[in-house]
Amino acid sequence: MKNVAGGSVGDVSAPAERSRPGGRARGLRGFYAARPGLVHGLISLLIAVLVWEFASRRLSSVILAPLSEIWAALVEMAASGELWEDLSFSGRAFLIAFLVASVGGILIGVAMAASTIVYDIVDPWVSALYATPIIALAPLFIVVFGIELLSKIAVAVLLAIFPVIINTASGIRTADPKLIEGAYAFGANRLQIFTKVLLPSAVPFIITGLRLAVGRALIGVVVAEFFGSRAGVGHMVFTASQSFDTGSVFAGVFLLMAIATTLMKLMYRLEKRIAPWRNFEVP
């Protein structure tokens, strides 16, 4: 039996693409259509590698080490176990500092947004300390807290907490007034408005603050290790720079860049999961 268009009703031999308009592309085009962000990132990485290799062949290895030398230094440190010891030390300091800065920053930001009195008292100090070069005070923290883990945590917390505070308070205070009016119209009380309207609308701002805190916490830990430490990625980079071991210096720098990029991607995924209404496709 044939249908009106002349094709056999029971014919299943036609490609799947015929059964729906614009069937799924295959090969490289299909991979690009499915993961355009990944392809763009790989292209950017390839261009950076080519530029780096071109520049490293024309500059002194003391200034810019070839990628092969950087990779060899990374493999050597990993084989000796030094890399894992440094990563463990810096990772513990970063994790504790980031958790303290995240929880403390969100709580302080919520308090500032919930109370005008708290906002008026705390905001000048937040603005002043945010503009203060905390890194310049890192040696003082070393003197007060010693060269162990606590001094690194203190520096990293003070660097990371203020973006979380500012973004949390701003996100809550700039909520859409129409949403608040609608909640009041349906009989919501102040607590319900705060938990059901204001906090959800502030989630993207909070995630942005956490993304900023990731980078600042890493910087705080590494810089504190520069000034005084027995271990850590910052200590590794500083020691290598003192002996003009450029390959090890860039190995540590690239390692920190990879960690920061991974954590940023995790923050993006967290935002997509807890605030899916904020996701949109760029035309």
C-alpha atoms as a PDB file:
ATOM      1  CA  MET A   1       0.000   0.000   0.000  1.00  0.00           C
ATOM      2  CA  LYS A   2       1.239   3.473  -0.834  1.00  0.00           C
ATOM      3  CA  ASN A   3       0.486   6.763   0.820  1.00  0.00           C
ATOM      4  CA  VAL A   4      -0.635   9.945  -0.948  1.00  0.00           C
ATOM      5  CA  ALA A   5       2.940  11.094  -1.521  1.00  0.00           C
ATOM      6  CA  GLY A   6       3.649   7.869  -3.366  1.00  0.00           C
ATOM      7  CA  GLY A   7       5.921   6.224  -0.790  1.00  0.00           C
ATOM      8  CA  SER A   8       5.378   2.827   0.790  1.00  0.00           C
ATOM      9  CA  VAL A   9       3.752   2.967   4.234  1.00  0.00           C
ATOM     10  CA  GLY A  10       5.774   0.043   5.521  1.00  0.00           C
ATOM     11  CA  ASP A  11       9.084   1.171   4.094  1.00  0.00           C
ATOM     12  CA  VAL A  12      11.611   1.558   6.913  1.00  0.00           C
ATOM     13  CA  SER A  13      14.742   1.491   4.773  1.00  0.00           C
ATOM     14  CA  ALA A  14      14.900   5.269   4.345  1.00  0.00           C
ATOM     15  CA  PRO A  15      17.481   7.093   6.462  1.00  0.00           C
ATOM     16  CA  ALA A  16      16.324   8.456   9.797  1.00  0.00           C
ATOM     17  CA  GLU A  17      17.024  11.962   8.588  1.00  0.00           C
ATOM     18  CA  ARG A  18      14.052  11.734   6.196  1.00  0.00           C
ATOM     19  CA  SER A  19      11.617  11.178   9.033  1.00  0.00           C
ATOM     20  CA  ARG A  20      12.230  14.595  10.479  1.00  0.00           C
ATOM     21  CA  PRO A  21      13.207  17.896   8.844  1.00  0.00           C
ATOM     22  CA  GLY A  22      16.816  18.910   9.214  1.00  0.00           C
ATOM     23  CA  GLY A  23      18.053  15.501  10.384  1.00  0.00           C
ATOM     24  CA  ARG A  24      21.034  15.394  12.743  1.00  0.00           C
ATOM     25  CA  ALA A  25      24.282  16.269  11.013  1.00  0.00           C
ATOM     26  CA  ARG A  26      27.120  13.809  11.228  1.00  0.00           C
ATOM     27  CA  GLY A  27      30.887  13.964  11.413  1.00  0.00           C
ATOM     28  CA  LEU A  28      32.693  17.157  12.323  1.00  0.00           C
ATOM     29  CA  ARG A  29      29.683  19.326  11.594  1.00  0.00           C
ATOM     30  CA  GLY A  30      27.558  17.216  13.929  1.00  0.00           C
ATOM     31  CA  PHE A  31      30.185  17.406  16.682  1.00  0.00           C
ATOM     32  CA  TYR A  32      30.390  21.191  16.268  1.00  0.00           C
ATOM     33  CA  ALA A  33      26.598  21.536  16.299  1.00  0.00           C
ATOM     34  CA  ALA A  34      26.387  19.504  19.517  1.00  0.00           C
ATOM     35  CA  ARG A  35      29.315  21.135  21.351  1.00  0.00           C
ATOM     36  CA  PRO A  36      30.126  24.542  19.846  1.00  0.00           C
ATOM     37  CA  GLY A  37      31.563  25.863  23.112  1.00  0.00           C
ATOM     38  CA  LEU A  38      34.022  22.977  23.370  1.00  0.00           C
ATOM     39  CA  VAL A  39      35.138  23.427  19.757  1.00  0.00           C
ATOM     40  CA  HIS A  40      35.689  27.158  20.235  1.00  0.00           C
ATOM     41  CA  GLY A  41      37.692  26.472  23.395  1.00  0.00           C
ATOM     42  CA  LEU A  42      39.867  23.901  21.615  1.00  0.00           C
ATOM     43  CA  ILE A  43      40.512  26.319  18.752  1.00  0.00           C
ATOM     44  CA  SER A  44      41.498  29.022  21.229  1.00  0.00           C
ATOM     45  CA  LEU A  45      43.819  26.586  23.020  1.00  0.00           C
ATOM     46  CA  LEU A  46      45.426  25.517  19.737  1.00  0.00           C
ATOM     47  CA  ILE A  47      46.072  29.130  18.747  1.00  0.00           C
ATOM     48  CA  ALA A  48      47.617  29.832  22.160  1.00  0.00           C
ATOM     49  CA  VAL A  49      49.893  26.776  21.843  1.00  0.00           C
ATOM     50  CA  LEU A  50      51.070  27.834  18.374  1.00  0.00           C
ATOM     51  CA  VAL A  51      51.733  31.420  19.487  1.00  0.00           C
ATOM     52  CA  TRP A  52      53.584  30.173  22.586  1.00  0.00           C
ATOM     53  CA  GLU A  53      55.791  27.830  20.555  1.00  0.00           C
ATOM     54  CA  PHE A  54      56.538  30.555  18.005  1.00  0.00           C
ATOM     55  CA  ALA A  55      57.483  33.045  20.735  1.00  0.00           C
ATOM     56  CA  SER A  56      59.504  30.553  22.807  1.00  0.00           C
ATOM     57  CA  ARG A  57      61.718  29.734  19.807  1.00  0.00           C
ATOM     58  CA  ARG A  58      62.625  33.398  19.403  1.00  0.00           C
ATOM     59  CA  LEU A  59      63.100  34.376  23.038  1.00  0.00           C
ATOM     60  CA  SER A  60      65.510  33.160  25.669  1.00  0.00           C
ATOM     61  CA  SER A  61      64.389  30.065  27.569  1.00  0.00           C
ATOM     62  CA  VAL A  62      64.940  32.052  30.767  1.00  0.00           C
ATOM     63  CA  ILE A  63      62.113  34.372  29.696  1.00  0.00           C
ATOM     64  CA  LEU A  64      59.755  31.936  27.983  1.00  0.00           C
ATOM     65  CA  ALA A  65      60.240  28.187  28.288  1.00  0.00           C
ATOM     66  CA  PRO A  66      59.083  25.879  25.464  1.00  0.00           C
ATOM     67  CA  LEU A  67      56.018  23.776  26.200  1.00  0.00           C
ATOM     68  CA  SER A  68      58.100  20.608  26.022  1.00  0.00           C
ATOM     69  CA  GLU A  69      60.315  21.905  28.837  1.00  0.00           C
ATOM     70  CA  ILE A  70      57.278  22.888  30.905  1.00  0.00           C
ATOM     71  CA  TRP A  71      55.740  19.441  30.438  1.00  0.00           C
ATOM     72  CA  ALA A  72      59.016  17.756  31.376  1.00  0.00           C
ATOM     73  CA  ALA A  73      59.235  19.817  34.569  1.00  0.00           C
ATOM     74  CA  LEU A  74      55.646  18.916  35.468  1.00  0.00           C
ATOM     75  CA  VAL A  75      56.254  15.201  34.881  1.00  0.00           C
ATOM     76  CA  GLU A  76      59.458  15.297  36.930  1.00  0.00           C
ATOM     77  CA  MET A  77      57.736  16.974  39.886  1.00  0.00           C
ATOM     78  CA  ALA A  78      54.853  14.508  39.689  1.00  0.00           C
ATOM     79  CA  ALA A  79      57.224  11.535  39.612  1.00  0.00           C
ATOM     80  CA  SER A  80      59.175  12.783  42.638  1.00  0.00           C
ATOM     81  CA  GLY A  81      55.973  13.315  44.644  1.00  0.00           C
ATOM     82  CA  GLU A  82      56.748  17.000  45.229  1.00  0.00           C
ATOM     83  CA  LEU A  83      53.842  18.101  43.056  1.00  0.00           C
ATOM     84  CA  TRP A  84      51.247  16.108  45.018  1.00  0.00           C
ATOM     85  CA  GLU A  85      52.550  17.391  48.346  1.00  0.00           C
ATOM     86  CA  ASP A  86      52.353  20.993  47.134  1.00  0.00           C
ATOM     87  CA  LEU A  87      48.888  20.481  45.647  1.00  0.00           C
ATOM     88  CA  SER A  88      47.646  18.909  48.868  1.00  0.00           C
ATOM     89  CA  PHE A  89      48.905  21.807  50.986  1.00  0.00           C
ATOM     90  CA  SER A  90      47.543  24.541  48.696  1.00  0.00           C
ATOM     91  CA  GLY A  91      44.317  22.620  48.091  1.00  0.00           C
ATOM     92  CA  ARG A  92      43.509  22.367  51.789  1.00  0.00           C
ATOM     93  CA  ALA A  93      44.162  26.067  52.331  1.00  0.00           C
ATOM     94  CA  PHE A  94      42.060  27.015  49.308  1.00  0.00           C
ATOM     95  CA  LEU A  95      39.141  24.714  50.160  1.00  0.00           C
ATOM     96  CA  ILE A  96      38.874  25.919  53.761  1.00  0.00           C
ATOM     97  CA  ALA A  97      39.249  29.573  52.765  1.00  0.00           C
ATOM     98  CA  PHE A  98      36.694  29.299  49.959  1.00  0.00           C
ATOM     99  CA  LEU A  99      34.115  27.596  52.186  1.00  0.00           C
ATOM    100  CA  VAL A 100      34.570  30.176  54.949  1.00  0.00           C
ATOM    101  CA  ALA A 101      34.397  33.069  52.480  1.00  0.00           C
ATOM    102  CA  SER A 102      31.340  31.606  50.724  1.00  0.00           C
ATOM    103  CA  VAL A 103      29.275  30.880  53.838  1.00  0.00           C
ATOM    104  CA  GLY A 104      30.369  34.016  55.674  1.00  0.00           C
ATOM    105  CA  GLY A 105      29.922  36.240  52.624  1.00  0.00           C
ATOM    106  CA  ILE A 106      26.417  34.967  51.883  1.00  0.00           C
ATOM    107  CA  LEU A 107      25.317  35.363  55.514  1.00  0.00           C
ATOM    108  CA  ILE A 108      26.697  38.893  55.773  1.00  0.00           C
ATOM    109  CA  GLY A 109      25.213  39.830  52.398  1.00  0.00           C
ATOM    110  CA  VAL A 110      21.794  38.502  53.409  1.00  0.00           C
ATOM    111  CA  ALA A 111      21.961  40.440  56.695  1.00  0.00           C
ATOM    112  CA  MET A 112      22.879  43.638  54.840  1.00  0.00           C
ATOM    113  CA  ALA A 113      19.994  43.196  52.404  1.00  0.00           C
ATOM    114  CA  ALA A 114      17.476  42.308  55.130  1.00  0.00           C
ATOM    115  CA  SER A 115      18.204  45.240  57.423  1.00  0.00           C
ATOM    116  CA  THR A 116      18.855  48.861  56.498  1.00  0.00           C
ATOM    117  CA  ILE A 117      20.599  49.409  59.822  1.00  0.00           C
ATOM    118  CA  VAL A 118      22.997  46.511  59.215  1.00  0.00           C
ATOM    119  CA  TYR A 119      23.603  47.774  55.692  1.00  0.00           C
ATOM    120  CA  ASP A 120      24.428  51.307  56.857  1.00  0.00           C
ATOM    121  CA  ILE A 121      26.851  49.980  59.479  1.00  0.00           C
ATOM    122  CA  VAL A 122      28.586  47.281  57.446  1.00  0.00           C
ATOM    123  CA  ASP A 123      28.666  48.740  53.924  1.00  0.00           C
ATOM    124  CA  PRO A 124      31.382  51.395  54.565  1.00  0.00           C
ATOM    125  CA  TRP A 125      33.665  48.747  56.049  1.00  0.00           C
ATOM    126  CA  VAL A 126      33.017  46.343  53.183  1.00  0.00           C
ATOM    127  CA  SER A 127      33.786  49.060  50.621  1.00  0.00           C
ATOM    128  CA  ALA A 128      36.930  50.168  52.454  1.00  0.00           C
ATOM    129  CA  LEU A 129      38.321  46.661  52.995  1.00  0.00           C
ATOM    130  CA  TYR A 130      37.463  45.583  49.450  1.00  0.00           C
ATOM    131  CA  ALA A 131      39.635  48.425  48.136  1.00  0.00           C
ATOM    132  CA  THR A 132      42.441  47.641  50.592  1.00  0.00           C
ATOM    133  CA  PRO A 133      45.444  45.807  49.075  1.00  0.00           C
ATOM    134  CA  ILE A 134      45.197  42.770  51.340  1.00  0.00           C
ATOM    135  CA  ILE A 135      48.132  41.149  49.544  1.00  0.00           C
ATOM    136  CA  ALA A 136      50.396  43.908  50.841  1.00  0.00           C
ATOM    137  CA  LEU A 137      49.440  42.829  54.362  1.00  0.00           C
ATOM    138  CA  ALA A 138      50.344  39.173  53.730  1.00  0.00           C
ATOM    139  CA  PRO A 139      53.694  39.434  55.567  1.00  0.00           C
ATOM    140  CA  LEU A 140      51.826  40.737  58.625  1.00  0.00           C
ATOM    141  CA  PHE A 141      49.538  37.691  58.530  1.00  0.00           C
ATOM    142  CA  ILE A 142      52.632  35.465  58.373  1.00  0.00           C
ATOM    143  CA  VAL A 143      53.979  37.157  61.505  1.00  0.00           C
ATOM    144  CA  VAL A 144      50.664  36.852  63.374  1.00  0.00           C
ATOM    145  CA  PHE A 145      49.552  33.367  62.272  1.00  0.00           C
ATOM    146  CA  GLY A 146      52.900  31.755  61.394  1.00  0.00           C
ATOM    147  CA  ILE A 147      53.986  30.056  58.190  1.00  0.00           C
ATOM    148  CA  GLU A 148      51.615  27.117  58.477  1.00  0.00           C
ATOM    149  CA  LEU A 149      48.136  26.716  56.978  1.00  0.00           C
ATOM    150  CA  LEU A 150      46.301  29.334  59.066  1.00  0.00           C
ATOM    151  CA  SER A 151      48.073  32.365  57.585  1.00  0.00           C
ATOM    152  CA  LYS A 152      47.244  31.250  54.024  1.00  0.00           C
ATOM    153  CA  ILE A 153      43.610  30.726  54.961  1.00  0.00           C
ATOM    154  CA  ALA A 154      43.377  34.172  56.579  1.00  0.00           C
ATOM    155  CA  VAL A 155      44.775  35.978  53.524  1.00  0.00           C
ATOM    156  CA  ALA A 156      42.591  33.998  51.108  1.00  0.00           C
ATOM    157  CA  VAL A 157      39.415  34.562  53.145  1.00  0.00           C
ATOM    158  CA  LEU A 158      39.938  38.321  53.275  1.00  0.00           C
ATOM    159  CA  LEU A 159      40.499  38.424  49.527  1.00  0.00           C
ATOM    160  CA  ALA A 160      37.567  36.185  48.605  1.00  0.00           C
ATOM    161  CA  ILE A 161      34.796  37.176  50.997  1.00  0.00           C
ATOM    162  CA  PHE A 162      34.035  40.689  49.752  1.00  0.00           C
ATOM    163  CA  PRO A 163      32.854  39.803  46.210  1.00  0.00           C
ATOM    164  CA  VAL A 164      30.431  37.317  47.773  1.00  0.00           C
ATOM    165  CA  ILE A 165      29.115  39.907  50.244  1.00  0.00           C
ATOM    166  CA  ILE A 166      28.673  42.614  47.614  1.00  0.00           C
ATOM    167  CA  ASN A 167      27.011  40.372  45.028  1.00  0.00           C
ATOM    168  CA  THR A 168      24.686  38.737  47.543  1.00  0.00           C
ATOM    169  CA  ALA A 169      23.492  42.063  48.961  1.00  0.00           C
ATOM    170  CA  SER A 170      23.134  43.613  45.493  1.00  0.00           C
ATOM    171  CA  GLY A 171      21.241  40.617  44.132  1.00  0.00           C
ATOM    172  CA  ILE A 172      18.665  40.700  46.924  1.00  0.00           C
ATOM    173  CA  ARG A 173      18.251  44.492  46.943  1.00  0.00           C
ATOM    174  CA  THR A 174      17.779  44.706  43.164  1.00  0.00           C
ATOM    175  CA  ALA A 175      15.029  42.087  42.888  1.00  0.00           C
ATOM    176  CA  ASP A 176      12.218  42.839  40.449  1.00  0.00           C
ATOM    177  CA  PRO A 177       9.587  44.958  42.289  1.00  0.00           C
ATOM    178  CA  LYS A 178       6.835  43.364  40.203  1.00  0.00           C
ATOM    179  CA  LEU A 179       7.647  39.966  41.679  1.00  0.00           C
ATOM    180  CA  ILE A 180       7.441  41.396  45.183  1.00  0.00           C
ATOM    181  CA  GLU A 181       4.130  43.112  44.452  1.00  0.00           C
ATOM    182  CA  GLY A 182       2.744  39.896  42.986  1.00  0.00           C
ATOM    183  CA  ALA A 183       3.769  37.943  46.089  1.00  0.00           C
ATOM    184  CA  TYR A 184       2.098  40.514  48.328  1.00  0.00           C
ATOM    185  CA  ALA A 185      -1.038  40.314  46.178  1.00  0.00           C
ATOM    186  CA  PHE A 186      -1.230  36.574  46.821  1.00  0.00           C
ATOM    187  CA  GLY A 187      -0.954  37.097  50.573  1.00  0.00           C
ATOM    188  CA  ALA A 188       2.718  36.264  51.145  1.00  0.00           C
ATOM    189  CA  ASN A 189       4.306  37.534  54.346  1.00  0.00           C
ATOM    190  CA  ARG A 190       7.774  39.108  54.612  1.00  0.00           C
ATOM    191  CA  LEU A 191       9.548  35.845  55.381  1.00  0.00           C
ATOM    192  CA  GLN A 192       7.934  34.111  52.410  1.00  0.00           C
ATOM    193  CA  ILE A 193       8.833  36.987  50.120  1.00  0.00           C
ATOM    194  CA  PHE A 194      12.423  36.860  51.314  1.00  0.00           C
ATOM    195  CA  THR A 195      12.790  33.083  50.914  1.00  0.00           C
ATOM    196  CA  LYS A 196      10.581  32.558  47.843  1.00  0.00           C
ATOM    197  CA  VAL A 197      11.254  35.723  45.831  1.00  0.00           C
ATOM    198  CA  LEU A 198      14.317  37.663  46.941  1.00  0.00           C
ATOM    199  CA  LEU A 199      16.765  34.817  47.543  1.00  0.00           C
ATOM    200  CA  PRO A 200      15.947  32.917  44.305  1.00  0.00           C
ATOM    201  CA  SER A 201      16.283  36.120  42.273  1.00  0.00           C
ATOM    202  CA  ALA A 202      19.693  36.714  43.875  1.00  0.00           C
ATOM    203  CA  VAL A 203      21.076  33.262  43.013  1.00  0.00           C
ATOM    204  CA  PRO A 204      22.815  34.379  39.767  1.00  0.00           C
ATOM    205  CA  PHE A 205      24.438  37.268  41.649  1.00  0.00           C
ATOM    206  CA  ILE A 206      25.598  34.917  44.402  1.00  0.00           C
ATOM    207  CA  ILE A 207      27.081  32.484  41.874  1.00  0.00           C
ATOM    208  CA  THR A 208      28.890  35.391  40.216  1.00  0.00           C
ATOM    209  CA  GLY A 209      30.329  36.347  43.592  1.00  0.00           C
ATOM    210  CA  LEU A 210      31.448  32.761  44.158  1.00  0.00           C
ATOM    211  CA  ARG A 211      33.140  32.673  40.756  1.00  0.00           C
ATOM    212  CA  LEU A 212      35.060  35.823  41.645  1.00  0.00           C
ATOM    213  CA  ALA A 213      35.887  34.321  45.037  1.00  0.00           C
ATOM    214  CA  VAL A 214      37.462  31.263  43.396  1.00  0.00           C
ATOM    215  CA  GLY A 215      40.108  33.338  41.645  1.00  0.00           C
ATOM    216  CA  ARG A 216      40.741  35.641  44.580  1.00  0.00           C
ATOM    217  CA  ALA A 217      41.066  32.737  47.026  1.00  0.00           C
ATOM    218  CA  LEU A 218      43.608  31.047  44.777  1.00  0.00           C
ATOM    219  CA  ILE A 219      45.570  34.283  44.508  1.00  0.00           C
ATOM    220  CA  GLY A 220      45.472  34.724  48.276  1.00  0.00           C
ATOM    221  CA  VAL A 221      46.799  31.226  48.962  1.00  0.00           C
ATOM    222  CA  VAL A 222      49.580  31.468  46.367  1.00  0.00           C
ATOM    223  CA  VAL A 223      50.719  34.951  47.400  1.00  0.00           C
ATOM    224  CA  ALA A 224      50.745  33.976  51.076  1.00  0.00           C
ATOM    225  CA  GLU A 225      52.939  31.015  50.126  1.00  0.00           C
ATOM    226  CA  PHE A 226      55.309  33.405  48.370  1.00  0.00           C
ATOM    227  CA  PHE A 227      56.011  35.280  51.594  1.00  0.00           C
ATOM    228  CA  GLY A 228      56.511  32.288  53.840  1.00  0.00           C
ATOM    229  CA  SER A 229      55.734  28.595  53.517  1.00  0.00           C
ATOM    230  CA  ARG A 230      57.315  25.169  53.618  1.00  0.00           C
ATOM    231  CA  ALA A 231      55.100  23.735  50.857  1.00  0.00           C
ATOM    232  CA  GLY A 232      52.422  24.669  48.356  1.00  0.00           C
ATOM    233  CA  VAL A 233      52.176  25.559  44.681  1.00  0.00           C
ATOM    234  CA  GLY A 234      53.084  29.167  45.444  1.00  0.00           C
ATOM    235  CA  HIS A 235      56.163  28.018  47.333  1.00  0.00           C
ATOM    236  CA  MET A 236      57.091  25.799  44.375  1.00  0.00           C
ATOM    237  CA  VAL A 237      56.755  28.677  41.891  1.00  0.00           C
ATOM    238  CA  PHE A 238      58.697  31.070  44.126  1.00  0.00           C
ATOM    239  CA  THR A 239      61.525  28.579  44.692  1.00  0.00           C
ATOM    240  CA  ALA A 240      61.777  27.831  40.965  1.00  0.00           C
ATOM    241  CA  SER A 241      61.875  31.540  40.105  1.00  0.00           C
ATOM    242  CA  GLN A 242      64.744  32.087  42.524  1.00  0.00           C
ATOM    243  CA  SER A 243      66.823  29.525  40.617  1.00  0.00           C
ATOM    244  CA  PHE A 244      65.646  30.764  37.177  1.00  0.00           C
ATOM    245  CA  ASP A 245      63.938  27.437  36.495  1.00  0.00           C
ATOM    246  CA  THR A 246      61.448  28.909  34.028  1.00  0.00           C
ATOM    247  CA  GLY A 247      59.984  25.547  33.082  1.00  0.00           C
ATOM    248  CA  SER A 248      58.953  24.788  36.671  1.00  0.00           C
ATOM    249  CA  VAL A 249      57.646  28.332  37.123  1.00  0.00           C
ATOM    250  CA  PHE A 250      55.305  28.047  34.146  1.00  0.00           C
ATOM    251  CA  ALA A 251      54.378  24.499  35.140  1.00  0.00           C
ATOM    252  CA  GLY A 252      53.054  25.868  38.431  1.00  0.00           C
ATOM    253  CA  VAL A 253      51.345  28.795  36.706  1.00  0.00           C
ATOM    254  CA  PHE A 254      49.635  26.562  34.135  1.00  0.00           C
ATOM    255  CA  LEU A 255      48.575  24.199  36.894  1.00  0.00           C
ATOM    256  CA  LEU A 256      46.905  27.060  38.761  1.00  0.00           C
ATOM    257  CA  MET A 257      45.228  28.214  35.550  1.00  0.00           C
ATOM    258  CA  ALA A 258      43.850  24.719  34.923  1.00  0.00           C
ATOM    259  CA  ILE A 259      42.516  24.457  38.478  1.00  0.00           C
ATOM    260  CA  ALA A 260      40.871  27.902  38.279  1.00  0.00           C
ATOM    261  CA  THR A 261      39.289  27.118  34.891  1.00  0.00           C
ATOM    262  CA  THR A 262      37.904  23.813  36.171  1.00  0.00           C
ATOM    263  CA  LEU A 263      36.421  25.456  39.247  1.00  0.00           C
ATOM    264  CA  MET A 264      34.846  28.192  37.114  1.00  0.00           C
ATOM    265  CA  LYS A 265      33.206  25.562  34.918  1.00  0.00           C
ATOM    266  CA  LEU A 266      31.854  23.847  38.012  1.00  0.00           C
ATOM    267  CA  MET A 267      30.340  27.160  39.124  1.00  0.00           C
ATOM    268  CA  TYR A 268      28.633  27.548  35.744  1.00  0.00           C
ATOM    269  CA  ARG A 269      27.192  24.045  36.092  1.00  0.00           C
ATOM    270  CA  LEU A 270      26.034  24.851  39.614  1.00  0.00           C
ATOM    271  CA  GLU A 271      24.228  27.942  38.340  1.00  0.00           C
ATOM    272  CA  LYS A 272      22.538  25.940  35.581  1.00  0.00           C
ATOM    273  CA  ARG A 273      21.355  23.398  38.126  1.00  0.00           C
ATOM    274  CA  ILE A 274      20.004  25.708  40.831  1.00  0.00           C
ATOM    275  CA  ALA A 275      18.896  28.591  38.570  1.00  0.00           C
ATOM    276  CA  PRO A 276      17.822  27.003  35.274  1.00  0.00           C
ATOM    277  CA  TRP A 277      15.596  29.977  34.414  1.00  0.00           C
ATOM    278  CA  ARG A 278      18.758  32.042  33.878  1.00  0.00           C
ATOM    279  CA  ASN A 279      20.028  29.839  31.035  1.00  0.00           C
ATOM    280  CA  PHE A 280      19.698  31.197  27.534  1.00  0.00           C
ATOM    281  CA  GLU A 281      21.235  30.619  24.133  1.00  0.00           C
ATOM    282  CA  VAL A 282      23.188  33.400  22.487  1.00  0.00           C
ATOM    283  CA  PRO A 283      21.681  33.976  19.003  1.00  0.00           C
END
